[in-house]
Amino acid sequence: MEQLPAQDLLTLYDETFSSRFLLGTALYRSPLEMCNAIKASGSQFITLSLRRQNPEHNDGDAFWQMIKDTGCKLLPNTAGCKSAKEAINLAEMSRELFETPWIKLEVIGDDYNLQPDPFELVIAAQELIKRGFKVLPYCTDDLVLCMRLRDAGCQVLMPWGAPIGTGQGLLNKYHLQSLRERITDIPLIIDAGLGSPSQASAALEMGFDAVLLNTAVAKADDPVLMAKAFALAIESGRYAYLAGLMQRRQTASASTPVLGQPFWHQNK
């Protein structure tokens, strides 16, 4: 697949990436299927949960070796945490085990829709930044929350498109567009809720810098093919954004000019 121009690389915490597709490693039917999907996606960043499978257990050796063999940068997450203290402890464990300062920060406040707890999230982000982590917080599309996280030192924000695993897409485009227009100094990645490649493309067309997803690929009938479809859609959306989308109009506008063109009339 043709790559975007070098000057359009994605920069996260002063590191550059050619792919704008971050992919999760959960829910696949087999580790081999997961690896094939990652390869098809072209992703350079994969998320994984310390709680889902601990690399200290011997029965996970084969799985972790496959993860390493992808060559992707690891983004451990704090999935399942419900307090800042819990998330900070899990982040420290992840940094020690995976030897990386990168962390996808999740602090869940509601079990029904897995909505992040904004108060605990900011507390955790502030502390982890102080401890030298490269924090990518999973948050809602609330503008004030996002500004607080940015002020805490987060150099990347990951607002949801919709609740995790719903496939609803970009539910609140007004809020998301406001985020993109008001927060222009750091990358914004749509994380969670995307169910189809067209939704991912729409996010990139709006000016978001990347997308992170898992379920839509892992639970597809053919995860490898779906990963490829998302990769192409993300690239398409980015090209469209760079090219400049046409403005919507209330009235029709002919694509072929009529001024000065001959016209025919029938004599009666």
Protein backbone atom coordinates (compact mmCIF):
# COMPACT_ATOMS: atom_id res chain seq x y z
CA MET A 1 0.00 0.00 0.00
CA GLU A 2 1.33 3.42 -0.94
CA GLN A 3 2.40 5.43 2.08
CA LEU A 4 1.55 9.05 2.72
CA PRO A 5 4.32 11.63 2.10
CA ALA A 6 7.16 11.60 4.63
CA GLN A 7 6.25 15.07 5.85
CA ASP A 8 2.84 13.76 6.91
CA LEU A 9 4.15 11.32 9.50
CA LEU A 10 2.21 10.93 12.73
CA THR A 11 4.16 12.32 15.69
CA LEU A 12 3.40 11.09 19.21
CA TYR A 13 5.63 12.26 22.05
CA ASP A 14 8.38 13.23 19.59
CA GLU A 15 8.38 9.81 17.90
CA THR A 16 7.17 9.47 14.30
CA PHE A 17 5.05 6.79 12.68
CA SER A 18 3.93 6.26 9.11
CA SER A 19 0.73 4.45 10.10
CA ARG A 20 -2.30 6.21 11.61
CA PHE A 21 -3.93 2.95 12.65
CA LEU A 22 -3.51 1.67 16.22
CA LEU A 23 -4.87 -1.83 16.74
CA GLY A 24 -5.87 -3.87 19.79
CA THR A 25 -4.90 -7.49 20.43
CA ALA A 26 -7.97 -8.83 22.27
CA LEU A 27 -10.93 -10.96 21.12
CA TYR A 28 -9.26 -12.77 18.18
CA ARG A 29 -10.05 -16.42 17.64
CA SER A 30 -6.38 -17.34 17.71
CA PRO A 31 -2.97 -15.68 18.17
CA LEU A 32 -2.13 -16.46 14.54
CA GLU A 33 -5.25 -14.67 13.34
CA MET A 34 -4.30 -11.71 15.51
CA CYS A 35 -0.79 -11.54 14.02
CA ASN A 36 -2.09 -11.78 10.47
CA ALA A 37 -4.57 -8.97 11.14
CA ILE A 38 -1.84 -6.77 12.60
CA LYS A 39 0.31 -7.36 9.53
CA ALA A 40 -2.58 -6.56 7.18
CA SER A 41 -3.37 -3.37 9.08
CA GLY A 42 0.11 -1.93 8.67
CA SER A 43 -0.14 -0.76 12.27
CA GLN A 44 3.03 0.16 14.12
CA PHE A 45 1.32 0.41 17.52
CA ILE A 46 -0.63 -2.37 19.24
CA THR A 47 -2.43 -2.24 22.56
CA LEU A 48 -2.49 -5.06 25.07
CA SER A 49 -3.81 -5.61 28.55
CA LEU A 50 -1.64 -6.78 31.40
CA ARG A 51 -4.72 -8.18 33.10
CA ARG A 52 -5.77 -10.28 30.12
CA GLN A 53 -2.60 -12.36 30.09
CA ASN A 54 0.43 -11.91 32.31
CA PRO A 55 3.79 -12.53 30.63
CA GLU A 56 5.17 -13.82 33.93
CA HIS A 57 3.06 -16.96 33.48
CA ASN A 58 4.88 -19.64 31.53
CA ASP A 59 1.78 -20.59 29.56
CA GLY A 60 1.86 -17.18 27.91
CA ASP A 61 5.39 -17.44 26.53
CA ALA A 62 4.28 -18.34 23.01
CA PHE A 63 1.75 -15.51 22.91
CA TRP A 64 4.23 -12.89 24.04
CA GLN A 65 6.81 -14.10 21.58
CA MET A 66 4.27 -13.63 18.77
CA ILE A 67 3.59 -10.12 20.05
CA LYS A 68 7.29 -9.32 19.98
CA ASP A 69 7.67 -10.77 16.51
CA THR A 70 5.18 -8.26 15.08
CA GLY A 71 7.83 -5.58 15.50
CA CYS A 72 5.17 -3.14 16.67
CA LYS A 73 5.58 -0.71 19.53
CA LEU A 74 3.62 -1.89 22.56
CA LEU A 75 0.97 0.26 24.20
CA PRO A 76 -0.08 -1.45 27.45
CA ASN A 77 -3.40 -0.28 28.85
CA THR A 78 -4.90 0.01 32.30
CA ALA A 79 -8.19 -1.62 31.28
CA GLY A 80 -10.47 -2.51 34.17
CA CYS A 81 -9.12 0.09 36.57
CA LYS A 82 -11.67 2.19 38.45
CA SER A 83 -9.45 4.55 40.42
CA ALA A 84 -6.38 6.65 39.82
CA LYS A 85 -4.42 4.65 42.39
CA GLU A 86 -5.27 1.36 40.70
CA ALA A 87 -4.36 2.70 37.25
CA ILE A 88 -1.05 4.12 38.46
CA ASN A 89 -0.07 0.80 40.07
CA LEU A 90 -0.94 -1.14 36.93
CA ALA A 91 0.97 1.33 34.76
CA GLU A 92 4.08 0.82 36.89
CA MET A 93 3.75 -2.95 36.56
CA SER A 94 3.36 -2.62 32.81
CA ARG A 95 6.43 -0.41 32.50
CA GLU A 96 8.51 -2.96 34.39
CA LEU A 97 7.25 -6.00 32.50
CA PHE A 98 7.12 -4.56 28.99
CA GLU A 99 10.03 -2.15 29.41
CA THR A 100 8.14 0.78 27.95
CA PRO A 101 7.01 4.16 29.30
CA TRP A 102 4.04 4.20 26.90
CA ILE A 103 0.65 3.67 28.52
CA LYS A 104 -2.94 3.86 27.37
CA LEU A 105 -4.62 5.26 30.45
CA GLU A 106 -8.10 3.95 31.20
CA VAL A 107 -10.01 4.71 34.40
CA ILE A 108 -13.61 3.53 34.07
CA GLY A 109 -16.38 5.26 36.00
CA ASP A 110 -19.43 3.38 34.78
CA ASP A 111 -19.75 -0.35 34.17
CA TYR A 112 -22.77 -0.02 31.86
CA ASN A 113 -21.21 2.02 29.04
CA LEU A 114 -17.56 1.89 30.19
CA GLN A 115 -17.43 5.67 30.30
CA PRO A 116 -14.16 7.07 31.69
CA ASP A 117 -14.18 8.70 35.12
CA PRO A 118 -13.05 12.25 34.32
CA PHE A 119 -11.93 13.11 37.86
CA GLU A 120 -9.83 10.01 38.50
CA LEU A 121 -8.51 10.15 34.94
CA VAL A 122 -7.00 13.62 35.39
CA ILE A 123 -5.48 12.66 38.75
CA ALA A 124 -3.89 9.55 37.25
CA ALA A 125 -2.63 11.42 34.19
CA GLN A 126 -0.96 14.12 36.29
CA GLU A 127 0.86 11.57 38.44
CA LEU A 128 1.94 9.34 35.55
CA ILE A 129 3.32 12.31 33.60
CA LYS A 130 5.36 13.25 36.67
CA ARG A 131 6.71 9.70 36.74
CA GLY A 132 7.92 9.90 33.15
CA PHE A 133 5.17 7.98 31.36
CA LYS A 134 4.03 8.78 27.85
CA VAL A 135 0.32 8.89 28.60
CA LEU A 136 -2.41 8.38 26.00
CA PRO A 137 -5.65 8.87 27.96
CA TYR A 138 -8.91 7.28 26.84
CA CYS A 139 -11.50 9.97 27.49
CA THR A 140 -14.90 11.24 26.45
CA ASP A 141 -15.45 14.00 23.91
CA ASP A 142 -15.89 16.62 26.66
CA LEU A 143 -13.91 19.72 25.72
CA VAL A 144 -13.12 20.83 29.28
CA LEU A 145 -11.91 17.36 30.27
CA CYS A 146 -9.65 17.22 27.22
CA MET A 147 -8.18 20.63 28.02
CA ARG A 148 -7.51 19.53 31.61
CA LEU A 149 -5.70 16.43 30.37
CA ARG A 150 -3.64 18.51 27.96
CA ASP A 151 -2.77 20.94 30.75
CA ALA A 152 -1.73 17.96 32.90
CA GLY A 153 0.97 17.23 30.32
CA CYS A 154 -0.65 14.69 28.01
CA GLN A 155 0.76 15.20 24.51
CA VAL A 156 -1.90 12.97 22.93
CA LEU A 157 -5.62 12.65 23.67
CA MET A 158 -7.90 9.75 22.72
CA PRO A 159 -11.58 10.75 22.88
CA TRP A 160 -14.18 8.09 22.18
CA GLY A 161 -16.37 8.05 19.12
CA ALA A 162 -18.90 5.94 21.01
CA PRO A 163 -18.82 3.54 23.99
CA ILE A 164 -16.33 0.66 23.66
CA GLY A 165 -17.50 -2.22 21.49
CA THR A 166 -20.75 -0.63 20.33
CA GLY A 167 -19.79 0.03 16.70
CA GLN A 168 -21.94 3.17 16.77
CA GLY A 169 -19.26 5.31 15.13
CA LEU A 170 -18.97 9.07 15.66
CA LEU A 171 -22.06 9.66 17.78
CA ASN A 172 -21.49 13.32 18.61
CA LYS A 173 -19.85 14.96 15.63
CA TYR A 174 -20.51 18.45 16.99
CA HIS A 175 -18.47 17.76 20.14
CA LEU A 176 -15.75 15.99 18.19
CA GLN A 177 -15.49 18.80 15.65
CA SER A 178 -15.30 21.31 18.50
CA LEU A 179 -12.44 19.33 20.02
CA ARG A 180 -10.53 19.33 16.76
CA GLU A 181 -11.09 23.06 16.22
CA ARG A 182 -10.19 24.07 19.79
CA ILE A 183 -7.29 21.69 20.46
CA THR A 184 -4.88 22.03 17.58
CA ASP A 185 -1.49 21.75 19.27
CA ILE A 186 -1.48 18.01 20.02
CA PRO A 187 -2.66 14.87 18.17
CA LEU A 188 -6.20 13.61 18.73
CA ILE A 189 -6.93 9.92 18.19
CA ILE A 190 -10.44 8.51 18.02
CA ASP A 191 -10.50 5.55 20.41
CA ALA A 192 -13.47 3.20 20.78
CA GLY A 193 -16.88 2.80 19.21
CA LEU A 194 -15.90 2.52 15.55
CA GLY A 195 -17.63 -0.33 13.74
CA SER A 196 -16.91 0.18 10.04
CA PRO A 197 -14.11 1.47 7.81
CA SER A 198 -16.33 4.33 6.62
CA GLN A 199 -16.55 5.61 10.20
CA ALA A 200 -12.77 5.57 10.51
CA SER A 201 -12.46 7.43 7.23
CA ALA A 202 -14.94 10.05 8.48
CA ALA A 203 -12.81 10.60 11.59
CA LEU A 204 -9.70 11.27 9.51
CA GLU A 205 -11.70 13.52 7.17
CA MET A 206 -12.65 15.62 10.23
CA GLY A 207 -8.97 16.17 10.94
CA PHE A 208 -8.37 13.60 13.64
CA ASP A 209 -4.85 12.25 13.50
CA ALA A 210 -5.45 8.52 13.88
CA VAL A 211 -7.86 5.88 15.15
CA LEU A 212 -7.51 3.08 17.68
CA LEU A 213 -9.86 0.11 17.54
CA ASN A 214 -10.10 -3.59 18.27
CA THR A 215 -13.56 -5.18 18.22
CA ALA A 216 -14.52 -4.20 14.67
CA VAL A 217 -11.51 -6.10 13.32
CA ALA A 218 -11.22 -8.96 15.81
CA LYS A 219 -14.91 -9.94 15.64
CA ALA A 220 -15.26 -9.67 11.87
CA ASP A 221 -15.89 -12.84 9.87
CA ASP A 222 -12.49 -12.23 8.27
CA PRO A 223 -10.36 -10.11 10.63
CA VAL A 224 -7.42 -9.98 8.22
CA LEU A 225 -9.52 -8.61 5.39
CA MET A 226 -11.26 -6.18 7.74
CA ALA A 227 -7.92 -4.91 9.02
CA LYS A 228 -6.91 -4.19 5.42
CA ALA A 229 -10.22 -2.42 4.81
CA PHE A 230 -9.72 -0.16 7.82
CA ALA A 231 -6.14 0.61 6.78
CA LEU A 232 -7.29 1.73 3.32
CA ALA A 233 -10.17 3.77 4.78
CA ILE A 234 -7.86 5.56 7.20
CA GLU A 235 -5.45 6.40 4.40
CA SER A 236 -8.33 7.59 2.21
CA GLY A 237 -9.71 9.81 4.98
CA ARG A 238 -6.33 11.37 5.60
CA TYR A 239 -5.81 12.12 1.90
CA ALA A 240 -9.27 13.69 1.74
CA TYR A 241 -8.52 15.91 4.73
CA LEU A 242 -5.22 17.05 3.25
CA ALA A 243 -6.82 17.68 -0.14
CA GLY A 244 -9.57 19.82 1.39
CA LEU A 245 -13.19 18.69 1.38
CA MET A 246 -15.75 20.75 -0.51
CA GLN A 247 -18.06 22.90 1.57
CA ARG A 248 -21.67 21.85 1.96
CA ARG A 249 -24.24 24.07 0.24
CA GLN A 250 -27.96 24.61 0.63
CA THR A 251 -28.48 25.16 -3.09
CA ALA A 252 -27.46 23.25 -6.17
CA SER A 253 -24.44 24.35 -8.15
CA ALA A 254 -23.96 23.05 -11.68
CA SER A 255 -20.63 21.40 -12.36
CA THR A 256 -20.91 22.37 -16.03
CA PRO A 257 -21.25 26.13 -16.63
CA VAL A 258 -24.27 27.21 -18.67
CA LEU A 259 -23.32 30.84 -19.33
CA GLY A 260 -22.56 31.37 -22.99
CA GLN A 261 -23.77 27.93 -24.03
CA PRO A 262 -26.15 27.55 -27.00
CA PHE A 263 -29.72 26.54 -26.31
CA TRP A 264 -32.46 25.17 -28.53
CA HIS A 265 -36.10 26.05 -28.70
CA GLN A 266 -38.86 24.46 -30.72
CA ASN A 267 -40.85 26.58 -33.18
CA LYS A 268 -44.58 26.13 -32.92
